[in-house]
Amino acid sequence: MDQRIINLYDEYTHKPLGRKEFLHRLALLTGSSASALAILPLLEVNYSNAGVTVAQDLFTERVKYPGSKSPMDAYVARPKEEKKYAAVVVIHENRGLNAHIEDVTRRAASAGYLAIAPNALSPLGGTPANEDDARTKFQQLDAGETLQNFIKVFDYLPSRKDCNGKWGCVGFCWGGGMSNDLAVNVPSLKAAVAFYGRQPAAADVPKIKAALQLHYAGLDDRINAGIPPYEETLKKASVAYELYMYEGVNHAFHNDTAPTRYNEAAAKLAWQRTIAFFGKYLS
């Protein structure tokens, strides 16, 4: 697919670009409104592709934990055996907790972790089915309060009998930026993995105590612009980190419900590296 079309969709999903303007610009790129509507299903995520990790061998539940001002909803998965596990907080993209991220949570559980995925949109009633409505809700979130809502999951985890007191996090897109922010703000965090996530302010990098693993897409110019200063400050602060660049792939390459951006080879390699990283720092 024309990279300009994928870049336009990326702009639509990450910036305040209305659907009407998006479709107008898509029609200009494809040649007509009919062509734009025909290509749209190839761009938009399809959650029917989610659920590749079955839950039958796992314990799953939906929980609430105290947030900054109101309860936070979260999806939990772990192996069925009742014992203590290291925890992995799974952080969704900028559309809220959905079927895809629930599946990623089960993948982490299948690797032997207590995996928990909070829903950032909990204070606004949860994740709506319509992605445009979800995007609108995201723009209504208070950034400081949202950060606190995710920090508070680490206050909740010790109350669980199935948590051994060690924890890490992994986030995607918006969640990748949150993963970086948690590394700055949660001293007890042992490992943070960020997939194509916004980098934290340089002044905050020395606060990081966790080991970092950073995954980036070669065609993701918007996010990649922040890599050089981030890596420079990580080195100066002597933060342990791994950085991987996946050439020729797009932002959201790990999301198997995004047909034009998903890259199976890169996604599988990045996930293998993620699980190995947790094995190193959470064991």
Protein backbone atom coordinates (compact mmCIF):
# COMPACT_ATOMS: atom_id res chain seq x y z
CA MET A 1 0.00 0.00 0.00
CA ASP A 2 1.11 3.56 -0.73
CA GLN A 3 3.11 4.69 2.31
CA ARG A 4 1.44 8.11 2.09
CA ILE A 5 -1.88 6.44 2.87
CA ILE A 6 -0.46 4.65 5.89
CA ASN A 7 1.13 7.91 7.08
CA LEU A 8 -2.22 9.67 6.71
CA TYR A 9 -3.93 7.01 8.78
CA ASP A 10 -1.22 7.33 11.41
CA GLU A 11 -1.88 11.07 11.52
CA TYR A 12 -5.60 10.42 11.84
CA THR A 13 -5.14 8.05 14.78
CA HIS A 14 -2.65 10.20 16.68
CA LYS A 15 -3.57 13.82 15.98
CA PRO A 16 -6.79 15.83 16.21
CA LEU A 17 -7.69 15.12 12.58
CA GLY A 18 -11.44 14.73 12.09
CA ARG A 19 -12.87 11.78 10.19
CA LYS A 20 -14.37 14.04 7.50
CA GLU A 21 -10.99 15.64 6.77
CA PHE A 22 -9.27 12.24 6.92
CA LEU A 23 -11.67 10.76 4.35
CA HIS A 24 -11.31 13.84 2.13
CA ARG A 25 -7.53 13.55 2.12
CA LEU A 26 -7.76 9.78 1.65
CA ALA A 27 -9.96 10.35 -1.42
CA LEU A 28 -7.34 12.71 -2.85
CA LEU A 29 -4.67 10.04 -2.42
CA THR A 30 -6.75 7.17 -3.78
CA GLY A 31 -8.40 9.12 -6.62
CA SER A 32 -12.04 9.08 -5.53
CA SER A 33 -14.39 8.82 -2.57
CA ALA A 34 -15.40 5.34 -3.68
CA SER A 35 -11.77 4.20 -3.70
CA ALA A 36 -11.23 5.74 -0.28
CA LEU A 37 -14.18 3.83 1.18
CA ALA A 38 -13.01 0.63 -0.49
CA ILE A 39 -9.54 0.88 1.04
CA LEU A 40 -10.75 1.93 4.49
CA PRO A 41 -11.29 -1.66 5.80
CA LEU A 42 -7.64 -2.37 5.00
CA LEU A 43 -6.57 0.50 7.23
CA GLU A 44 -8.85 0.25 10.23
CA VAL A 45 -8.28 -2.34 12.92
CA ASN A 46 -10.42 -5.45 12.93
CA TYR A 47 -10.78 -6.96 16.38
CA SER A 48 -12.14 -10.19 14.91
CA ASN A 49 -8.46 -10.95 14.28
CA ALA A 50 -7.77 -10.79 18.01
CA GLY A 51 -8.04 -13.72 20.37
CA VAL A 52 -5.28 -15.93 19.02
CA THR A 53 -4.30 -16.86 22.58
CA VAL A 54 -6.98 -19.06 24.11
CA ALA A 55 -7.90 -18.61 27.74
CA GLN A 56 -8.74 -22.24 28.53
CA ASP A 57 -5.34 -22.92 30.11
CA LEU A 58 -5.34 -19.62 32.01
CA PHE A 59 -7.07 -18.01 34.96
CA THR A 60 -8.68 -14.73 33.85
CA GLU A 61 -10.76 -12.14 35.64
CA ARG A 62 -11.85 -8.53 35.53
CA VAL A 63 -10.98 -6.45 38.56
CA LYS A 64 -11.20 -2.94 39.91
CA TYR A 65 -8.47 -1.20 41.86
CA PRO A 66 -8.41 2.26 43.48
CA GLY A 67 -7.47 4.98 41.03
CA SER A 68 -6.58 8.60 41.62
CA LYS A 69 -10.19 9.75 41.92
CA SER A 70 -12.29 6.77 40.87
CA PRO A 71 -11.95 2.99 40.47
CA MET A 72 -9.90 1.62 37.59
CA ASP A 73 -11.04 -1.37 35.56
CA ALA A 74 -8.46 -3.96 34.52
CA TYR A 75 -8.25 -7.32 32.78
CA VAL A 76 -6.13 -9.98 34.50
CA ALA A 77 -4.68 -13.23 33.19
CA ARG A 78 -2.21 -15.72 34.68
CA PRO A 79 -1.47 -19.46 34.60
CA LYS A 80 -4.11 -21.56 36.36
CA GLU A 81 -1.76 -22.84 39.05
CA GLU A 82 -2.34 -20.91 42.26
CA LYS A 83 1.03 -19.55 43.29
CA LYS A 84 2.92 -16.25 43.28
CA TYR A 85 4.01 -14.82 39.93
CA ALA A 86 5.99 -11.83 38.76
CA ALA A 87 3.58 -9.24 37.39
CA VAL A 88 3.54 -7.57 33.97
CA VAL A 89 1.36 -4.51 33.45
CA VAL A 90 0.15 -4.40 29.84
CA ILE A 91 -0.66 -0.90 28.56
CA HIS A 92 -2.96 -0.38 25.60
CA GLU A 93 -2.78 1.97 22.62
CA ASN A 94 -4.75 5.21 22.39
CA ARG A 95 -8.11 3.49 21.96
CA GLY A 96 -8.54 1.98 25.42
CA LEU A 97 -8.56 -1.61 26.58
CA ASN A 98 -9.80 -3.77 23.70
CA ALA A 99 -9.81 -7.37 22.48
CA HIS A 100 -6.31 -7.09 21.04
CA ILE A 101 -4.70 -5.91 24.27
CA GLU A 102 -6.63 -8.51 26.24
CA ASP A 103 -5.07 -11.08 23.92
CA VAL A 104 -1.60 -9.61 24.50
CA THR A 105 -2.32 -9.89 28.22
CA ARG A 106 -3.05 -13.60 27.78
CA ARG A 107 0.20 -13.97 25.82
CA ALA A 108 2.12 -12.57 28.80
CA ALA A 109 0.19 -14.91 31.11
CA SER A 110 1.01 -17.87 28.85
CA ALA A 111 4.67 -16.98 29.31
CA GLY A 112 4.26 -17.47 33.06
CA TYR A 113 3.34 -14.02 34.38
CA LEU A 114 0.52 -12.42 36.31
CA ALA A 115 -0.54 -10.00 33.59
CA ILE A 116 -2.83 -7.05 34.26
CA ALA A 117 -4.12 -4.53 31.72
CA PRO A 118 -5.68 -1.37 33.18
CA ASN A 119 -8.15 0.66 31.13
CA ALA A 120 -7.15 4.32 30.96
CA LEU A 121 -10.71 5.23 29.98
CA SER A 122 -12.20 3.81 33.19
CA PRO A 123 -12.91 7.29 34.65
CA LEU A 124 -14.91 8.11 31.48
CA GLY A 125 -17.01 4.99 31.46
CA GLY A 126 -14.68 2.57 29.73
CA THR A 127 -13.81 1.81 26.12
CA PRO A 128 -16.58 2.52 23.58
CA ALA A 129 -17.01 0.17 20.62
CA ASN A 130 -16.54 2.99 18.12
CA GLU A 131 -12.88 4.00 17.68
CA ASP A 132 -13.70 7.61 16.93
CA ASP A 133 -15.63 7.83 20.20
CA ALA A 134 -12.65 6.27 21.98
CA ARG A 135 -10.31 8.83 20.46
CA THR A 136 -12.60 11.64 21.60
CA LYS A 137 -12.57 10.23 25.13
CA PHE A 138 -8.79 10.06 25.11
CA GLN A 139 -8.62 13.76 24.38
CA GLN A 140 -10.72 14.34 27.52
CA LEU A 141 -8.29 12.54 29.84
CA ASP A 142 -6.20 14.52 32.28
CA ALA A 143 -2.57 13.49 31.67
CA GLY A 144 -1.46 13.84 35.28
CA GLU A 145 -4.44 11.98 36.69
CA THR A 146 -4.05 9.23 34.08
CA LEU A 147 -0.41 8.73 35.00
CA GLN A 148 -1.40 8.41 38.66
CA ASN A 149 -4.07 5.86 37.73
CA PHE A 150 -1.38 3.66 36.20
CA ILE A 151 1.08 4.23 39.04
CA LYS A 152 -1.60 3.05 41.46
CA VAL A 153 -1.74 -0.40 39.87
CA PHE A 154 1.61 -1.00 41.60
CA ASP A 155 -0.06 -0.19 44.92
CA TYR A 156 -2.76 -2.75 44.11
CA LEU A 157 -0.48 -5.62 43.04
CA PRO A 158 0.96 -6.33 46.54
CA SER A 159 -2.57 -6.98 47.78
CA ARG A 160 -2.89 -9.96 45.45
CA LYS A 161 -1.96 -13.40 46.77
CA ASP A 162 -0.73 -14.38 43.30
CA CYS A 163 1.89 -11.60 43.01
CA ASN A 164 5.47 -12.20 44.19
CA GLY A 165 6.41 -8.52 44.52
CA LYS A 166 8.36 -8.20 41.27
CA TRP A 167 6.88 -6.30 38.35
CA GLY A 168 7.49 -4.86 34.93
CA CYS A 169 5.40 -3.26 32.21
CA VAL A 170 4.98 -3.31 28.46
CA GLY A 171 3.13 -0.70 26.43
CA PHE A 172 2.24 -0.05 22.81
CA CYS A 173 1.98 3.33 21.04
CA TRP A 174 0.30 5.56 23.66
CA GLY A 175 1.03 2.75 26.09
CA GLY A 176 4.67 2.78 25.05
CA GLY A 177 4.87 6.38 26.16
CA MET A 178 3.15 5.43 29.41
CA SER A 179 5.66 2.61 29.88
CA ASN A 180 8.48 5.16 29.65
CA ASP A 181 6.64 7.42 32.11
CA LEU A 182 6.21 4.57 34.59
CA ALA A 183 9.93 3.85 34.38
CA VAL A 184 10.49 7.45 35.47
CA ASN A 185 7.87 7.46 38.22
CA VAL A 186 7.87 3.94 39.75
CA PRO A 187 11.22 3.23 41.46
CA SER A 188 10.18 -0.35 42.25
CA LEU A 189 9.67 -1.16 38.56
CA LYS A 190 12.30 -3.66 37.45
CA ALA A 191 11.71 -3.79 33.68
CA ALA A 192 9.86 -1.53 31.23
CA VAL A 193 9.27 -2.35 27.56
CA ALA A 194 8.06 0.34 25.16
CA PHE A 195 6.83 -0.38 21.65
CA TYR A 196 7.09 2.75 19.47
CA GLY A 197 6.35 4.98 22.43
CA ARG A 198 6.84 8.66 23.13
CA GLN A 199 10.07 9.34 25.02
CA PRO A 200 10.11 11.05 28.45
CA ALA A 201 11.62 14.46 29.08
CA ALA A 202 15.42 14.38 29.17
CA ALA A 203 15.45 15.88 32.66
CA ASP A 204 13.46 12.90 33.96
CA VAL A 205 15.64 10.14 32.53
CA PRO A 206 18.08 10.04 35.50
CA LYS A 207 15.12 9.03 37.71
CA ILE A 208 14.77 5.71 35.87
CA LYS A 209 15.69 2.68 37.98
CA ALA A 210 14.20 0.01 35.71
CA ALA A 211 15.94 -1.70 32.82
CA LEU A 212 14.43 -0.61 29.50
CA GLN A 213 13.75 -2.39 26.24
CA LEU A 214 12.74 -0.09 23.39
CA HIS A 215 11.21 -1.23 20.10
CA TYR A 216 10.91 1.15 17.14
CA ALA A 217 9.58 0.92 13.58
CA GLY A 218 11.89 2.06 10.80
CA LEU A 219 9.13 3.97 8.96
CA ASP A 220 7.83 5.73 12.08
CA ASP A 221 9.44 9.14 11.60
CA ARG A 222 7.12 10.83 14.11
CA ILE A 223 8.27 8.75 17.09
CA ASN A 224 11.79 8.05 15.86
CA ALA A 225 12.68 11.74 15.93
CA GLY A 226 12.94 11.46 19.71
CA ILE A 227 15.32 8.50 19.76
CA PRO A 228 18.75 10.25 19.54
CA PRO A 229 18.25 12.59 22.53
CA TYR A 230 16.62 9.79 24.54
CA GLU A 231 19.47 7.39 23.90
CA GLU A 232 22.03 10.07 24.72
CA THR A 233 20.43 10.80 28.10
CA LEU A 234 20.07 7.08 28.86
CA LYS A 235 23.79 6.62 28.32
CA LYS A 236 24.67 9.65 30.43
CA ALA A 237 22.44 8.40 33.26
CA SER A 238 23.89 4.86 33.01
CA VAL A 239 20.42 3.36 32.56
CA ALA A 240 20.46 -0.26 31.40
CA TYR A 241 18.62 -0.43 28.08
CA GLU A 242 18.20 -2.36 24.86
CA LEU A 243 17.10 -0.59 21.68
CA TYR A 244 15.83 -2.39 18.59
CA MET A 245 14.97 -0.83 15.24
CA TYR A 246 12.83 -2.87 12.84
CA GLU A 247 13.59 -1.56 9.38
CA GLY A 248 10.91 -1.27 6.72
CA VAL A 249 7.96 -1.62 9.11
CA ASN A 250 5.34 0.83 10.31
CA HIS A 251 4.18 2.18 13.64
CA ALA A 252 1.88 -0.40 15.28
CA PHE A 253 3.69 -3.28 13.58
CA HIS A 254 2.94 -5.49 16.59
CA ASN A 255 -0.84 -5.05 16.36
CA ASP A 256 -2.19 -8.04 14.44
CA THR A 257 -5.61 -6.39 14.14
CA ALA A 258 -4.13 -3.56 12.03
CA PRO A 259 -3.87 -5.26 8.61
CA THR A 260 -1.73 -2.76 6.70
CA ARG A 261 0.69 -2.00 9.53
CA TYR A 262 1.11 -5.40 11.18
CA ASN A 263 4.36 -7.14 10.33
CA GLU A 264 4.36 -10.75 11.50
CA ALA A 265 8.12 -11.31 11.46
CA ALA A 266 8.93 -8.10 13.35
CA ALA A 267 6.05 -8.64 15.80
CA LYS A 268 7.12 -12.16 16.68
CA LEU A 269 10.77 -11.20 17.07
CA ALA A 270 9.93 -8.19 19.24
CA TRP A 271 7.66 -10.28 21.47
CA GLN A 272 10.31 -12.99 21.84
CA ARG A 273 12.75 -10.31 22.92
CA THR A 274 10.18 -8.88 25.34
CA ILE A 275 9.56 -12.21 27.08
CA ALA A 276 13.31 -12.93 27.25
CA PHE A 277 13.83 -9.47 28.77
CA PHE A 278 11.23 -10.11 31.46
CA GLY A 279 12.82 -13.48 32.10
CA LYS A 280 16.13 -11.73 32.74
CA TYR A 281 14.88 -8.95 35.02
CA LEU A 282 11.80 -10.43 36.73
CA SER A 283 13.12 -13.87 37.63
